[in-house]
Amino acid sequence: MLEPPKDGAAKVERKGSGVFLVRFAGRAAHAGLEPERGASALAEMARFALCLEGLADSQKETTITPSQARGGRGRGSGVRRADGRRARLDP
């Protein structure tokens, strides 16, 4: 959703924006028996989201907002797949 104008006037200019779908693949393994065999897609997606936030630059008025994530299927195994469904980029 694009933001409204701050003062109620007509918005005649806006930063560019984009919405991206980013998918991560891991390796499922039993969390209690063989955790060393797993690679968590959800943990990697979390690291990626933190990295994206670090790319924002207030002096250039660039914002990056990871806003929706999903991963895992239940208890007892590593997360094999994860999706970052919305990352808004305003360059």
Protein backbone atom coordinates (compact mmCIF):
# COMPACT_ATOMS: atom_id res chain seq x y z
CA MET A 1 0.00 0.00 0.00
CA LEU A 2 1.40 3.37 -0.96
CA GLU A 3 1.32 6.09 1.65
CA PRO A 4 -1.04 9.09 1.54
CA PRO A 5 0.31 12.65 1.46
CA LYS A 6 1.37 14.02 4.83
CA ASP A 7 -0.62 17.25 4.70
CA GLY A 8 -3.79 16.09 2.93
CA ALA A 9 -2.84 17.72 -0.40
CA ALA A 10 -2.77 15.86 -3.71
CA LYS A 11 0.27 13.58 -4.06
CA VAL A 12 1.99 14.50 -7.33
CA GLU A 13 5.31 12.70 -6.82
CA ARG A 14 6.32 9.42 -5.23
CA LYS A 15 9.45 7.35 -4.78
CA GLY A 16 9.57 4.24 -6.97
CA SER A 17 8.52 0.99 -5.36
CA GLY A 18 8.59 -2.73 -5.98
CA VAL A 19 7.24 -5.86 -4.32
CA PHE A 20 9.32 -9.03 -4.48
CA LEU A 21 8.81 -12.71 -3.74
CA VAL A 22 11.97 -14.35 -2.45
CA ARG A 23 12.13 -18.12 -1.84
CA PHE A 24 14.64 -19.96 0.31
CA ALA A 25 15.43 -23.66 0.26
CA GLY A 26 16.92 -25.56 3.17
CA ARG A 27 17.40 -29.19 4.10
CA ALA A 28 14.94 -30.89 6.44
CA ALA A 29 16.29 -33.00 9.29
CA HIS A 30 14.86 -34.20 12.57
CA ALA A 31 15.50 -31.42 15.09
CA GLY A 32 15.99 -33.79 18.02
CA LEU A 33 17.90 -36.66 16.40
CA GLU A 34 19.97 -35.14 13.59
CA PRO A 35 19.96 -31.33 13.81
CA GLU A 36 23.43 -31.15 12.23
CA ARG A 37 22.03 -32.59 8.98
CA GLY A 38 19.53 -29.77 8.57
CA ALA A 39 19.77 -26.32 7.04
CA SER A 40 16.92 -24.01 8.02
CA ALA A 41 15.40 -22.01 5.20
CA LEU A 42 13.57 -19.92 7.79
CA ALA A 43 16.80 -18.97 9.59
CA GLU A 44 18.38 -17.98 6.29
CA MET A 45 15.34 -15.89 5.40
CA ALA A 46 15.62 -14.10 8.76
CA ARG A 47 19.28 -13.28 8.07
CA PHE A 48 18.29 -12.00 4.61
CA ALA A 49 15.56 -9.75 6.06
CA LEU A 50 18.06 -8.22 8.50
CA CYS A 51 20.51 -7.68 5.65
CA LEU A 52 17.80 -5.91 3.61
CA GLU A 53 17.04 -3.54 6.46
CA GLY A 54 20.73 -2.65 6.52
CA LEU A 55 20.54 -1.45 2.90
CA ALA A 56 18.13 1.38 3.75
CA ASP A 57 19.67 4.84 3.52
CA SER A 58 17.82 7.75 5.11
CA GLN A 59 20.06 10.35 3.42
CA LYS A 60 19.06 8.95 0.00
CA GLU A 61 15.48 8.43 1.26
CA THR A 62 15.72 4.73 0.41
CA THR A 63 13.58 2.40 2.51
CA ILE A 64 13.35 -1.37 2.41
CA THR A 65 10.61 -3.02 4.43
CA PRO A 66 10.37 -6.83 4.69
CA SER A 67 6.73 -7.27 5.62
CA GLN A 68 5.52 -10.85 5.25
CA ALA A 69 7.21 -14.21 5.83
CA ARG A 70 6.19 -17.85 6.09
CA GLY A 71 8.11 -21.04 6.73
CA GLY A 72 7.93 -24.49 8.29
CA ARG A 73 5.35 -27.24 8.49
CA GLY A 74 5.29 -28.22 12.12
CA ARG A 75 7.31 -29.37 15.09
CA GLY A 76 10.24 -31.72 15.07
CA SER A 77 12.01 -31.01 11.80
CA GLY A 78 14.06 -28.23 10.28
CA VAL A 79 12.44 -25.76 7.93
CA ARG A 80 12.94 -26.97 4.37
CA ARG A 81 11.15 -24.08 2.60
CA ALA A 82 10.45 -20.47 3.42
CA ASP A 83 8.95 -17.56 1.48
CA GLY A 84 9.48 -13.85 1.95
CA ARG A 85 6.33 -12.72 0.21
CA ARG A 86 6.51 -8.97 0.43
CA ALA A 87 9.56 -6.84 0.63
CA ARG A 88 8.80 -3.28 -0.31
CA LEU A 89 11.65 -1.36 -1.88
CA ASP A 90 11.38 2.40 -2.27
CA PRO A 91 14.49 3.69 -4.03
